PDB file of N, CA and C in Angstrom:
ATOM      1  N   UNK A   1      29.469  -0.012 -62.680  1.00  0.00           N
ATOM      2  CA  UNK A   1      30.140   0.011 -61.417  1.00  0.00           C
ATOM      3  C   UNK A   1      29.385   0.877 -60.413  1.00  0.00           C
ATOM      4  N   UNK A   2      28.765   1.919 -60.958  1.00  0.00           N
ATOM      5  CA  UNK A   2      28.029   2.799 -60.081  1.00  0.00           C
ATOM      6  C   UNK A   2      26.850   2.065 -59.448  1.00  0.00           C
ATOM      7  N   UNK A   3      26.164   1.202 -60.210  1.00  0.00           N
ATOM      8  CA  UNK A   3      25.060   0.425 -59.660  1.00  0.00           C
ATOM      9  C   UNK A   3      25.564  -0.547 -58.603  1.00  0.00           C
ATOM     10  N   UNK A   4      26.684  -1.129 -58.837  1.00  0.00           N
ATOM     11  CA  UNK A   4      27.255  -2.080 -57.896  1.00  0.00           C
ATOM     12  C   UNK A   4      27.596  -1.388 -56.586  1.00  0.00           C
ATOM     13  N   UNK A   5      28.178  -0.215 -56.616  1.00  0.00           N
ATOM     14  CA  UNK A   5      28.551   0.530 -55.420  1.00  0.00           C
ATOM     15  C   UNK A   5      27.314   0.970 -54.661  1.00  0.00           C
ATOM     16  N   UNK A   6      26.311   1.487 -55.344  1.00  0.00           N
ATOM     17  CA  UNK A   6      25.090   1.935 -54.707  1.00  0.00           C
ATOM     18  C   UNK A   6      24.340   0.758 -54.086  1.00  0.00           C
ATOM     19  N   UNK A   7      24.284  -0.366 -54.796  1.00  0.00           N
ATOM     20  CA  UNK A   7      23.596  -1.547 -54.280  1.00  0.00           C
ATOM     21  C   UNK A   7      24.328  -2.123 -53.086  1.00  0.00           C
ATOM     22  N   UNK A   8      25.658  -2.178 -53.156  1.00  0.00           N
ATOM     23  CA  UNK A   8      26.400  -2.731 -52.022  1.00  0.00           C
ATOM     24  C   UNK A   8      26.335  -1.793 -50.816  1.00  0.00           C
ATOM     25  N   UNK A   9      26.301  -0.502 -51.045  1.00  0.00           N
ATOM     26  CA  UNK A   9      26.175   0.465 -49.956  1.00  0.00           C
ATOM     27  C   UNK A   9      24.807   0.324 -49.279  1.00  0.00           C
ATOM     28  N   UNK A  10      23.754   0.165 -50.069  1.00  0.00           N
ATOM     29  CA  UNK A  10      22.411  -0.010 -49.525  1.00  0.00           C
ATOM     30  C   UNK A  10      22.316  -1.321 -48.753  1.00  0.00           C
ATOM     31  N   UNK A  11      22.889  -2.386 -49.303  1.00  0.00           N
ATOM     32  CA  UNK A  11      22.864  -3.676 -48.624  1.00  0.00           C
ATOM     33  C   UNK A  11      23.634  -3.617 -47.311  1.00  0.00           C
ATOM     34  N   UNK A  12      24.766  -2.940 -47.296  1.00  0.00           N
ATOM     35  CA  UNK A  12      25.566  -2.802 -46.087  1.00  0.00           C
ATOM     36  C   UNK A  12      24.805  -2.005 -45.030  1.00  0.00           C
ATOM     37  N   UNK A  13      24.158  -0.913 -45.438  1.00  0.00           N
ATOM     38  CA  UNK A  13      23.393  -0.090 -44.503  1.00  0.00           C
ATOM     39  C   UNK A  13      22.229  -0.879 -43.925  1.00  0.00           C
ATOM     40  N   UNK A  14      21.538  -1.649 -44.746  1.00  0.00           N
ATOM     41  CA  UNK A  14      20.433  -2.461 -44.294  1.00  0.00           C
ATOM     42  C   UNK A  14      20.904  -3.527 -43.322  1.00  0.00           C
ATOM     43  N   UNK A  15      21.997  -4.178 -43.630  1.00  0.00           N
ATOM     44  CA  UNK A  15      22.550  -5.218 -42.762  1.00  0.00           C
ATOM     45  C   UNK A  15      22.968  -4.630 -41.413  1.00  0.00           C
ATOM     46  N   UNK A  16      23.662  -3.499 -41.434  1.00  0.00           N
ATOM     47  CA  UNK A  16      24.070  -2.865 -40.187  1.00  0.00           C
ATOM     48  C   UNK A  16      22.862  -2.425 -39.365  1.00  0.00           C
ATOM     49  N   UNK A  17      21.854  -1.922 -40.043  1.00  0.00           N
ATOM     50  CA  UNK A  17      20.631  -1.516 -39.350  1.00  0.00           C
ATOM     51  C   UNK A  17      19.963  -2.680 -38.652  1.00  0.00           C
ATOM     52  N   UNK A  18      19.887  -3.810 -39.344  1.00  0.00           N
ATOM     53  CA  UNK A  18      19.283  -4.995 -38.747  1.00  0.00           C
ATOM     54  C   UNK A  18      20.121  -5.541 -37.592  1.00  0.00           C
ATOM     55  N   UNK A  19      21.418  -5.527 -37.741  1.00  0.00           N
ATOM     56  CA  UNK A  19      22.289  -6.033 -36.682  1.00  0.00           C
ATOM     57  C   UNK A  19      22.220  -5.178 -35.415  1.00  0.00           C
ATOM     58  N   UNK A  20      22.111  -3.892 -35.570  1.00  0.00           N
ATOM     59  CA  UNK A  20      22.025  -3.029 -34.385  1.00  0.00           C
ATOM     60  C   UNK A  20      20.635  -3.051 -33.765  1.00  0.00           C
ATOM     61  N   UNK A  21      19.608  -3.288 -34.548  1.00  0.00           N
ATOM     62  CA  UNK A  21      18.248  -3.316 -34.018  1.00  0.00           C
ATOM     63  C   UNK A  21      17.939  -4.642 -33.339  1.00  0.00           C
ATOM     64  N   UNK A  22      18.513  -5.712 -33.788  1.00  0.00           N
ATOM     65  CA  UNK A  22      18.204  -7.040 -33.260  1.00  0.00           C
ATOM     66  C   UNK A  22      18.519  -7.181 -31.771  1.00  0.00           C
ATOM     67  N   UNK A  23      19.681  -6.784 -31.266  1.00  0.00           N
ATOM     68  CA  UNK A  23      19.925  -6.939 -29.829  1.00  0.00           C
ATOM     69  C   UNK A  23      18.962  -6.127 -28.969  1.00  0.00           C
ATOM     70  N   UNK A  24      18.600  -4.949 -29.376  1.00  0.00           N
ATOM     71  CA  UNK A  24      17.677  -4.155 -28.565  1.00  0.00           C
ATOM     72  C   UNK A  24      16.288  -4.767 -28.568  1.00  0.00           C
ATOM     73  N   UNK A  25      15.883  -5.351 -29.683  1.00  0.00           N
ATOM     74  CA  UNK A  25      14.579  -5.996 -29.733  1.00  0.00           C
ATOM     75  C   UNK A  25      14.593  -7.281 -28.921  1.00  0.00           C
ATOM     76  N   UNK A  26      15.724  -7.962 -28.864  1.00  0.00           N
ATOM     77  CA  UNK A  26      15.806  -9.216 -28.136  1.00  0.00           C
ATOM     78  C   UNK A  26      15.703  -8.991 -26.633  1.00  0.00           C
ATOM     79  N   UNK A  27      16.063  -7.817 -26.147  1.00  0.00           N
ATOM     80  CA  UNK A  27      16.041  -7.556 -24.715  1.00  0.00           C
ATOM     81  C   UNK A  27      14.772  -6.859 -24.258  1.00  0.00           C
ATOM     82  N   UNK A  28      13.909  -6.536 -25.169  1.00  0.00           N
ATOM     83  CA  UNK A  28      12.651  -5.908 -24.799  1.00  0.00           C
ATOM     84  C   UNK A  28      11.728  -6.977 -24.242  1.00  0.00           C
ATOM     85  N   UNK A  29      11.180  -6.774 -23.025  1.00  0.00           N
ATOM     86  CA  UNK A  29      10.293  -7.799 -22.458  1.00  0.00           C
ATOM     87  C   UNK A  29       9.003  -7.887 -23.253  1.00  0.00           C
ATOM     88  N   UNK A  30       8.497  -9.094 -23.352  1.00  0.00           N
ATOM     89  CA  UNK A  30       7.257  -9.316 -24.086  1.00  0.00           C
ATOM     90  C   UNK A  30       6.097  -8.759 -23.273  1.00  0.00           C
ATOM     91  N   UNK A  31       5.110  -8.166 -23.916  1.00  0.00           N
ATOM     92  CA  UNK A  31       3.955  -7.643 -23.179  1.00  0.00           C
ATOM     93  C   UNK A  31       3.163  -8.789 -22.575  1.00  0.00           C
ATOM     94  N   UNK A  32       2.586  -8.533 -21.424  1.00  0.00           N
ATOM     95  CA  UNK A  32       1.799  -9.553 -20.726  1.00  0.00           C
ATOM     96  C   UNK A  32       0.399  -9.561 -21.311  1.00  0.00           C
ATOM     97  N   UNK A  33       0.174 -10.380 -22.315  1.00  0.00           N
ATOM     98  CA  UNK A  33      -1.142 -10.482 -22.927  1.00  0.00           C
ATOM     99  C   UNK A  33      -1.614 -11.914 -22.844  1.00  0.00           C
ATOM    100  N   UNK A  34      -2.902 -12.062 -22.758  1.00  0.00           N
ATOM    101  CA  UNK A  34      -3.481 -13.398 -22.762  1.00  0.00           C
ATOM    102  C   UNK A  34      -3.246 -14.160 -21.476  1.00  0.00           C
ATOM    103  N   UNK A  35      -2.734 -13.531 -20.429  1.00  0.00           N
ATOM    104  CA  UNK A  35      -2.533 -14.188 -19.156  1.00  0.00           C
ATOM    105  C   UNK A  35      -1.403 -15.196 -19.167  1.00  0.00           C
ATOM    106  N   UNK A  36      -0.524 -15.146 -20.166  1.00  0.00           N
ATOM    107  CA  UNK A  36       0.581 -16.099 -20.220  1.00  0.00           C
ATOM    108  C   UNK A  36       1.647 -15.677 -19.230  1.00  0.00           C
ATOM    109  N   UNK A  37       2.259 -16.673 -18.602  1.00  0.00           N
ATOM    110  CA  UNK A  37       3.288 -16.405 -17.607  1.00  0.00           C
ATOM    111  C   UNK A  37       4.574 -17.096 -18.018  1.00  0.00           C
ATOM    112  N   UNK A  38       5.652 -16.670 -17.461  1.00  0.00           N
ATOM    113  CA  UNK A  38       6.945 -17.286 -17.732  1.00  0.00           C
ATOM    114  C   UNK A  38       6.943 -18.714 -17.221  1.00  0.00           C
ATOM    115  N   UNK A  39       7.702 -19.598 -17.865  1.00  0.00           N
ATOM    116  CA  UNK A  39       7.755 -20.981 -17.386  1.00  0.00           C
ATOM    117  C   UNK A  39       8.277 -21.023 -15.965  1.00  0.00           C
ATOM    118  N   UNK A  40       7.676 -21.858 -15.149  1.00  0.00           N
ATOM    119  CA  UNK A  40       8.112 -22.019 -13.769  1.00  0.00           C
ATOM    120  C   UNK A  40       7.469 -21.032 -12.813  1.00  0.00           C
ATOM    121  N   UNK A  41       6.802 -20.009 -13.326  1.00  0.00           N
ATOM    122  CA  UNK A  41       6.154 -19.034 -12.448  1.00  0.00           C
ATOM    123  C   UNK A  41       4.826 -19.611 -11.982  1.00  0.00           C
ATOM    124  N   UNK A  42       4.514 -19.389 -10.719  1.00  0.00           N
ATOM    125  CA  UNK A  42       3.267 -19.905 -10.168  1.00  0.00           C
ATOM    126  C   UNK A  42       2.399 -18.741  -9.738  1.00  0.00           C
ATOM    127  N   UNK A  43       1.117 -18.849  -9.990  1.00  0.00           N
ATOM    128  CA  UNK A  43       0.181 -17.810  -9.591  1.00  0.00           C
ATOM    129  C   UNK A  43      -0.288 -18.103  -8.173  1.00  0.00           C
ATOM    130  N   UNK A  44      -0.375 -17.072  -7.360  1.00  0.00           N
ATOM    131  CA  UNK A  44      -0.816 -17.239  -5.981  1.00  0.00           C
ATOM    132  C   UNK A  44      -2.312 -17.535  -5.952  1.00  0.00           C
ATOM    133  N   UNK A  45      -2.744 -18.392  -5.021  1.00  0.00           N
ATOM    134  CA  UNK A  45      -4.182 -18.649  -4.884  1.00  0.00           C
ATOM    135  C   UNK A  45      -4.913 -17.367  -4.500  1.00  0.00           C
ATOM    136  N   UNK A  46      -6.201 -17.324  -4.783  1.00  0.00           N
ATOM    137  CA  UNK A  46      -7.002 -16.124  -4.549  1.00  0.00           C
ATOM    138  C   UNK A  46      -6.992 -15.706  -3.086  1.00  0.00           C
ATOM    139  N   UNK A  47      -7.011 -16.689  -2.157  1.00  0.00           N
ATOM    140  CA  UNK A  47      -7.047 -16.315  -0.750  1.00  0.00           C
ATOM    141  C   UNK A  47      -5.741 -15.670  -0.288  1.00  0.00           C
ATOM    142  N   UNK A  48      -4.634 -15.976  -0.953  1.00  0.00           N
ATOM    143  CA  UNK A  48      -3.372 -15.345  -0.589  1.00  0.00           C
ATOM    144  C   UNK A  48      -3.298 -13.919  -1.109  1.00  0.00           C
ATOM    145  N   UNK A  49      -4.076 -13.596  -2.117  1.00  0.00           N
ATOM    146  CA  UNK A  49      -4.037 -12.258  -2.698  1.00  0.00           C
ATOM    147  C   UNK A  49      -5.035 -11.325  -2.018  1.00  0.00           C
ATOM    148  N   UNK A  50      -5.873 -11.842  -1.140  1.00  0.00           N
ATOM    149  CA  UNK A  50      -6.837 -11.017  -0.437  1.00  0.00           C
ATOM    150  C   UNK A  50      -6.103 -10.080   0.508  1.00  0.00           C
ATOM    151  N   UNK A  51      -6.672  -8.903   0.776  1.00  0.00           N
ATOM    152  CA  UNK A  51      -6.005  -7.972   1.679  1.00  0.00           C
ATOM    153  C   UNK A  51      -5.879  -8.554   3.080  1.00  0.00           C
ATOM    154  N   UNK A  52      -4.830  -8.163   3.763  1.00  0.00           N
ATOM    155  CA  UNK A  52      -4.598  -8.655   5.115  1.00  0.00           C
ATOM    156  C   UNK A  52      -5.692  -8.113   6.031  1.00  0.00           C
ATOM    157  N   UNK A  53      -6.102  -8.895   7.022  1.00  0.00           N
ATOM    158  CA  UNK A  53      -7.128  -8.413   7.937  1.00  0.00           C
ATOM    159  C   UNK A  53      -6.603  -7.227   8.735  1.00  0.00           C
ATOM    160  N   UNK A  54      -7.514  -6.323   9.070  1.00  0.00           N
ATOM    161  CA  UNK A  54      -7.128  -5.142   9.826  1.00  0.00           C
ATOM    162  C   UNK A  54      -6.692  -5.551  11.226  1.00  0.00           C
ATOM    163  N   UNK A  55      -5.785  -4.762  11.777  1.00  0.00           N
ATOM    164  CA  UNK A  55      -5.340  -5.010  13.141  1.00  0.00           C
ATOM    165  C   UNK A  55      -6.524  -4.795  14.081  1.00  0.00           C
ATOM    166  N   UNK A  56      -6.475  -5.461  15.201  1.00  0.00           N
ATOM    167  CA  UNK A  56      -7.531  -5.352  16.201  1.00  0.00           C
ATOM    168  C   UNK A  56      -7.654  -3.900  16.653  1.00  0.00           C
ATOM    169  N   UNK A  57      -8.867  -3.384  16.643  1.00  0.00           N
ATOM    170  CA  UNK A  57      -9.104  -2.014  17.083  1.00  0.00           C
ATOM    171  C   UNK A  57      -9.125  -1.970  18.603  1.00  0.00           C
ATOM    172  N   UNK A  58      -8.610  -0.894  19.167  1.00  0.00           N
ATOM    173  CA  UNK A  58      -8.537  -0.729  20.612  1.00  0.00           C
ATOM    174  C   UNK A  58      -9.831  -0.087  21.099  1.00  0.00           C
ATOM    175  N   UNK A  59     -10.506  -0.750  22.037  1.00  0.00           N
ATOM    176  CA  UNK A  59     -11.765  -0.244  22.581  1.00  0.00           C
ATOM    177  C   UNK A  59     -11.452   0.819  23.635  1.00  0.00           C
ATOM    178  N   UNK A  60     -11.855   2.054  23.353  1.00  0.00           N
ATOM    179  CA  UNK A  60     -11.551   3.141  24.296  1.00  0.00           C
ATOM    180  C   UNK A  60     -12.398   3.056  25.565  1.00  0.00           C
ATOM    181  N   UNK A  61     -13.445   2.242  25.570  1.00  0.00           N
ATOM    182  CA  UNK A  61     -14.265   2.079  26.769  1.00  0.00           C
ATOM    183  C   UNK A  61     -13.701   1.042  27.731  1.00  0.00           C
ATOM    184  N   UNK A  62     -12.732   0.237  27.294  1.00  0.00           N
ATOM    185  CA  UNK A  62     -12.186  -0.786  28.182  1.00  0.00           C
ATOM    186  C   UNK A  62     -10.664  -0.879  28.163  1.00  0.00           C
ATOM    187  N   UNK A  63      -9.988  -0.086  27.369  1.00  0.00           N
ATOM    188  CA  UNK A  63      -8.533  -0.170  27.251  1.00  0.00           C
ATOM    189  C   UNK A  63      -7.852   0.322  28.525  1.00  0.00           C
ATOM    190  N   UNK A  64      -6.731  -0.297  28.827  1.00  0.00           N
ATOM    191  CA  UNK A  64      -5.950   0.124  29.987  1.00  0.00           C
ATOM    192  C   UNK A  64      -5.166   1.387  29.662  1.00  0.00           C
ATOM    193  N   UNK A  65      -4.624   1.993  30.686  1.00  0.00           N
ATOM    194  CA  UNK A  65      -3.817   3.194  30.512  1.00  0.00           C
ATOM    195  C   UNK A  65      -2.607   2.908  29.626  1.00  0.00           C
ATOM    196  N   UNK A  66      -1.960   1.767  29.825  1.00  0.00           N
ATOM    197  CA  UNK A  66      -0.787   1.400  29.016  1.00  0.00           C
ATOM    198  C   UNK A  66      -1.154   1.199  27.551  1.00  0.00           C
ATOM    199  N   UNK A  67      -2.300   0.588  27.301  1.00  0.00           N
ATOM    200  CA  UNK A  67      -2.735   0.384  25.918  1.00  0.00           C
ATOM    201  C   UNK A  67      -3.018   1.724  25.235  1.00  0.00           C
ATOM    202  N   UNK A  68      -3.629   2.648  25.964  1.00  0.00           N
ATOM    203  CA  UNK A  68      -3.913   3.965  25.399  1.00  0.00           C
ATOM    204  C   UNK A  68      -2.622   4.746  25.174  1.00  0.00           C
ATOM    205  N   UNK A  69      -1.665   4.615  26.104  1.00  0.00           N
ATOM    206  CA  UNK A  69      -0.367   5.291  25.963  1.00  0.00           C
ATOM    207  C   UNK A  69       0.354   4.866  24.693  1.00  0.00           C
ATOM    208  N   UNK A  70       0.127   3.646  24.248  1.00  0.00           N
ATOM    209  CA  UNK A  70       0.816   3.109  23.069  1.00  0.00           C
ATOM    210  C   UNK A  70       0.306   3.738  21.772  1.00  0.00           C
ATOM    211  N   UNK A  71      -0.838   4.395  21.809  1.00  0.00           N
ATOM    212  CA  UNK A  71      -1.365   5.044  20.608  1.00  0.00           C
ATOM    213  C   UNK A  71      -0.532   6.283  20.282  1.00  0.00           C
ATOM    214  N   UNK A  72      -0.354   6.585  18.988  1.00  0.00           N
ATOM    215  CA  UNK A  72       0.454   7.760  18.616  1.00  0.00           C
ATOM    216  C   UNK A  72      -0.191   9.065  19.091  1.00  0.00           C
ATOM    217  N   UNK A  73       0.591   9.885  19.776  1.00  0.00           N
ATOM    218  CA  UNK A  73       0.109  11.179  20.244  1.00  0.00           C
ATOM    219  C   UNK A  73      -0.611  11.130  21.579  1.00  0.00           C
ATOM    220  N   UNK A  74      -0.773   9.949  22.137  1.00  0.00           N
ATOM    221  CA  UNK A  74      -1.453   9.802  23.420  1.00  0.00           C
ATOM    222  C   UNK A  74      -0.409   9.486  24.481  1.00  0.00           C
ATOM    223  N   UNK A  75      -0.373  10.296  25.501  1.00  0.00           N
ATOM    224  CA  UNK A  75       0.547  10.079  26.618  1.00  0.00           C
ATOM    225  C   UNK A  75      -0.241   9.792  27.878  1.00  0.00           C
ATOM    226  N   UNK A  76       0.413   9.895  28.989  1.00  0.00           N
ATOM    227  CA  UNK A  76      -0.235   9.594  30.274  1.00  0.00           C
ATOM    228  C   UNK A  76      -1.376  10.566  30.569  1.00  0.00           C
ATOM    229  N   UNK A  77      -1.198  11.839  30.245  1.00  0.00           N
ATOM    230  CA  UNK A  77      -2.243  12.832  30.524  1.00  0.00           C
ATOM    231  C   UNK A  77      -3.495  12.553  29.697  1.00  0.00           C
ATOM    232  N   UNK A  78      -3.322  12.328  28.388  1.00  0.00           N
ATOM    233  CA  UNK A  78      -4.485  12.052  27.536  1.00  0.00           C
ATOM    234  C   UNK A  78      -5.130  10.717  27.890  1.00  0.00           C
ATOM    235  N   UNK A  79      -4.327   9.712  28.211  1.00  0.00           N
ATOM    236  CA  UNK A  79      -4.929   8.417  28.558  1.00  0.00           C
ATOM    237  C   UNK A  79      -5.741   8.549  29.845  1.00  0.00           C
ATOM    238  N   UNK A  80      -5.277   9.350  30.795  1.00  0.00           N
ATOM    239  CA  UNK A  80      -6.038   9.572  32.032  1.00  0.00           C
ATOM    240  C   UNK A  80      -7.352  10.300  31.727  1.00  0.00           C
ATOM    241  N   UNK A  81      -7.318  11.279  30.816  1.00  0.00           N
ATOM    242  CA  UNK A  81      -8.537  11.990  30.441  1.00  0.00           C
ATOM    243  C   UNK A  81      -9.516  11.071  29.724  1.00  0.00           C
ATOM    244  N   UNK A  82      -8.987  10.173  28.873  1.00  0.00           N
ATOM    245  CA  UNK A  82      -9.860   9.233  28.153  1.00  0.00           C
ATOM    246  C   UNK A  82     -10.547   8.310  29.143  1.00  0.00           C
ATOM    247  N   UNK A  83      -9.802   7.791  30.103  1.00  0.00           N
ATOM    248  CA  UNK A  83     -10.369   6.876  31.100  1.00  0.00           C
ATOM    249  C   UNK A  83     -11.396   7.606  31.969  1.00  0.00           C
ATOM    250  N   UNK A  84     -11.117   8.847  32.350  1.00  0.00           N
ATOM    251  CA  UNK A  84     -12.031   9.613  33.196  1.00  0.00           C
ATOM    252  C   UNK A  84     -13.327   9.970  32.467  1.00  0.00           C
ATOM    253  N   UNK A  85     -13.296  10.066  31.136  1.00  0.00           N
ATOM    254  CA  UNK A  85     -14.475  10.459  30.373  1.00  0.00           C
ATOM    255  C   UNK A  85     -15.367   9.309  29.950  1.00  0.00           C
ATOM    256  N   UNK A  86     -15.059   8.098  30.356  1.00  0.00           N
ATOM    257  CA  UNK A  86     -15.852   6.929  29.964  1.00  0.00           C
ATOM    258  C   UNK A  86     -17.225   6.966  30.594  1.00  0.00           C
ATOM    259  N   UNK A  87     -18.213   6.328  29.978  1.00  0.00           N
ATOM    260  CA  UNK A  87     -18.238   5.598  28.721  1.00  0.00           C
ATOM    261  C   UNK A  87     -18.478   6.535  27.541  1.00  0.00           C
ATOM    262  N   UNK A  88     -18.073   6.062  26.363  1.00  0.00           N
ATOM    263  CA  UNK A  88     -18.246   6.800  25.123  1.00  0.00           C
ATOM    264  C   UNK A  88     -19.249   6.067  24.240  1.00  0.00           C
ATOM    265  N   UNK A  89     -20.148   6.817  23.622  1.00  0.00           N
ATOM    266  CA  UNK A  89     -21.113   6.225  22.686  1.00  0.00           C
ATOM    267  C   UNK A  89     -20.471   5.979  21.334  1.00  0.00           C
ATOM    268  N   UNK A  90     -19.507   6.813  20.976  1.00  0.00           N
ATOM    269  CA  UNK A  90     -18.784   6.685  19.722  1.00  0.00           C
ATOM    270  C   UNK A  90     -17.384   7.230  19.914  1.00  0.00           C
ATOM    271  N   UNK A  91     -16.488   6.815  19.041  1.00  0.00           N
ATOM    272  CA  UNK A  91     -15.105   7.261  19.201  1.00  0.00           C
ATOM    273  C   UNK A  91     -14.942   8.762  18.971  1.00  0.00           C
ATOM    274  N   UNK A  92     -15.874   9.364  18.212  1.00  0.00           N
ATOM    275  CA  UNK A  92     -15.790  10.801  17.984  1.00  0.00           C
ATOM    276  C   UNK A  92     -16.145  11.611  19.233  1.00  0.00           C
ATOM    277  N   UNK A  93     -16.655  10.936  20.286  1.00  0.00           N
ATOM    278  CA  UNK A  93     -16.897  11.616  21.560  1.00  0.00           C
ATOM    279  C   UNK A  93     -15.602  12.149  22.162  1.00  0.00           C
ATOM    280  N   UNK A  94     -14.474  11.582  21.778  1.00  0.00           N
ATOM    281  CA  UNK A  94     -13.195  12.076  22.298  1.00  0.00           C
ATOM    282  C   UNK A  94     -12.993  13.544  21.913  1.00  0.00           C
ATOM    283  N   UNK A  95     -13.453  13.928  20.742  1.00  0.00           N
ATOM    284  CA  UNK A  95     -13.347  15.325  20.302  1.00  0.00           C
ATOM    285  C   UNK A  95     -14.557  16.110  20.799  1.00  0.00           C
ATOM    286  N   UNK A  96     -15.744  15.512  20.697  1.00  0.00           N
ATOM    287  CA  UNK A  96     -16.972  16.209  21.096  1.00  0.00           C
ATOM    288  C   UNK A  96     -16.974  16.577  22.577  1.00  0.00           C
ATOM    289  N   UNK A  97     -16.358  15.759  23.421  1.00  0.00           N
ATOM    290  CA  UNK A  97     -16.290  16.028  24.868  1.00  0.00           C
ATOM    291  C   UNK A  97     -15.009  16.766  25.249  1.00  0.00           C
ATOM    292  N   UNK A  98     -14.262  17.249  24.253  1.00  0.00           N
ATOM    293  CA  UNK A  98     -13.003  17.979  24.475  1.00  0.00           C
ATOM    294  C   UNK A  98     -11.979  17.160  25.272  1.00  0.00           C
ATOM    295  N   UNK A  99     -11.926  15.869  25.012  1.00  0.00           N
ATOM    296  CA  UNK A  99     -10.920  15.011  25.632  1.00  0.00           C
ATOM    297  C   UNK A  99      -9.617  15.130  24.846  1.00  0.00           C
ATOM    298  N   UNK A 100      -9.725  15.106  23.514  1.00  0.00           N
ATOM    299  CA  UNK A 100      -8.566  15.192  22.621  1.00  0.00           C
ATOM    300  C   UNK A 100      -8.761  16.307  21.610  1.00  0.00           C
ATOM    301  N   UNK A 101      -7.657  16.936  21.179  1.00  0.00           N
ATOM    302  CA  UNK A 101      -7.763  17.873  20.052  1.00  0.00           C
ATOM    303  C   UNK A 101      -7.993  17.101  18.752  1.00  0.00           C
ATOM    304  N   UNK A 102      -8.570  17.766  17.775  1.00  0.00           N
ATOM    305  CA  UNK A 102      -8.909  17.127  16.492  1.00  0.00           C
ATOM    306  C   UNK A 102      -7.698  16.479  15.836  1.00  0.00           C
ATOM    307  N   UNK A 103      -6.559  17.151  15.854  1.00  0.00           N
ATOM    308  CA  UNK A 103      -5.359  16.626  15.185  1.00  0.00           C
ATOM    309  C   UNK A 103      -4.911  15.306  15.818  1.00  0.00           C
ATOM    310  N   UNK A 104      -4.948  15.220  17.127  1.00  0.00           N
ATOM    311  CA  UNK A 104      -4.570  13.980  17.815  1.00  0.00           C
ATOM    312  C   UNK A 104      -5.578  12.879  17.506  1.00  0.00           C
ATOM    313  N   UNK A 105      -6.858  13.233  17.522  1.00  0.00           N
ATOM    314  CA  UNK A 105      -7.904  12.261  17.191  1.00  0.00           C
ATOM    315  C   UNK A 105      -7.737  11.729  15.772  1.00  0.00           C
ATOM    316  N   UNK A 106      -7.419  12.620  14.827  1.00  0.00           N
ATOM    317  CA  UNK A 106      -7.220  12.198  13.435  1.00  0.00           C
ATOM    318  C   UNK A 106      -6.090  11.176  13.314  1.00  0.00           C
ATOM    319  N   UNK A 107      -5.105  11.257  14.186  1.00  0.00           N
ATOM    320  CA  UNK A 107      -3.983  10.322  14.147  1.00  0.00           C
ATOM    321  C   UNK A 107      -4.307   8.942  14.680  1.00  0.00           C
ATOM    322  N   UNK A 108      -5.377   8.823  15.490  1.00  0.00           N
ATOM    323  CA  UNK A 108      -5.691   7.519  16.097  1.00  0.00           C
ATOM    324  C   UNK A 108      -7.057   6.969  15.707  1.00  0.00           C
ATOM    325  N   UNK A 109      -7.866   7.727  14.999  1.00  0.00           N
ATOM    326  CA  UNK A 109      -9.253   7.314  14.746  1.00  0.00           C
ATOM    327  C   UNK A 109      -9.385   5.987  14.009  1.00  0.00           C
ATOM    328  N   UNK A 110      -8.379   5.616  13.218  1.00  0.00           N
ATOM    329  CA  UNK A 110      -8.435   4.335  12.500  1.00  0.00           C
ATOM    330  C   UNK A 110      -7.945   3.170  13.351  1.00  0.00           C
ATOM    331  N   UNK A 111      -7.533   3.451  14.579  1.00  0.00           N
ATOM    332  CA  UNK A 111      -6.988   2.405  15.457  1.00  0.00           C
ATOM    333  C   UNK A 111      -7.862   2.141  16.669  1.00  0.00           C
ATOM    334  N   UNK A 112      -8.942   2.902  16.814  1.00  0.00           N
ATOM    335  CA  UNK A 112      -9.771   2.774  17.998  1.00  0.00           C
ATOM    336  C   UNK A 112     -11.230   2.509  17.634  1.00  0.00           C
ATOM    337  N   UNK A 113     -11.980   2.065  18.654  1.00  0.00           N
ATOM    338  CA  UNK A 113     -13.407   1.829  18.529  1.00  0.00           C
ATOM    339  C   UNK A 113     -14.023   2.085  19.901  1.00  0.00           C
ATOM    340  N   UNK A 114     -15.299   2.390  19.944  1.00  0.00           N
ATOM    341  CA  UNK A 114     -16.009   2.553  21.215  1.00  0.00           C
ATOM    342  C   UNK A 114     -17.110   1.502  21.260  1.00  0.00           C
ATOM    343  N   UNK A 115     -16.781   0.363  21.838  1.00  0.00           N
ATOM    344  CA  UNK A 115     -17.767  -0.722  21.930  1.00  0.00           C
ATOM    345  C   UNK A 115     -18.744  -0.433  23.057  1.00  0.00           C
ATOM    346  N   UNK A 116     -19.985  -0.825  22.832  1.00  0.00           N
ATOM    347  CA  UNK A 116     -21.029  -0.638  23.832  1.00  0.00           C
ATOM    348  C   UNK A 116     -21.235  -1.936  24.593  1.00  0.00           C
ATOM    349  N   UNK A 117     -21.452  -1.828  25.892  1.00  0.00           N
ATOM    350  CA  UNK A 117     -21.718  -3.026  26.695  1.00  0.00           C
ATOM    351  C   UNK A 117     -23.147  -3.471  26.392  1.00  0.00           C
ATOM    352  N   UNK A 118     -23.314  -4.783  26.263  1.00  0.00           N
ATOM    353  CA  UNK A 118     -24.653  -5.290  25.944  1.00  0.00           C
ATOM    354  C   UNK A 118     -25.382  -5.769  27.162  1.00  0.00           C
TER     355      UNK A 118
END
């Protein structure tokens, strides 16, 4: 009888262990290996995954006062100074010629360009 009780206890523990482990394993997402995708999922074409083109850079040698005012940290006073200091050989001339402080320039340097007339 002792063998029967020990065997049935072990079988019960094993069964309960499997029953509790099965639902958690069933909800674990499968690892993405081998490039397999879920049914019905479509992969985007390569051209759609390319980075978006950069926004048009504002030319500080030809921009209007209103266009310059729209830049972050640039108001009417700075836009007037930028226009008065034209032409610029490079956008960093805004700092080199003391038109803008470095901090203000750092905020707009990725949005501007100094195009040269040909």
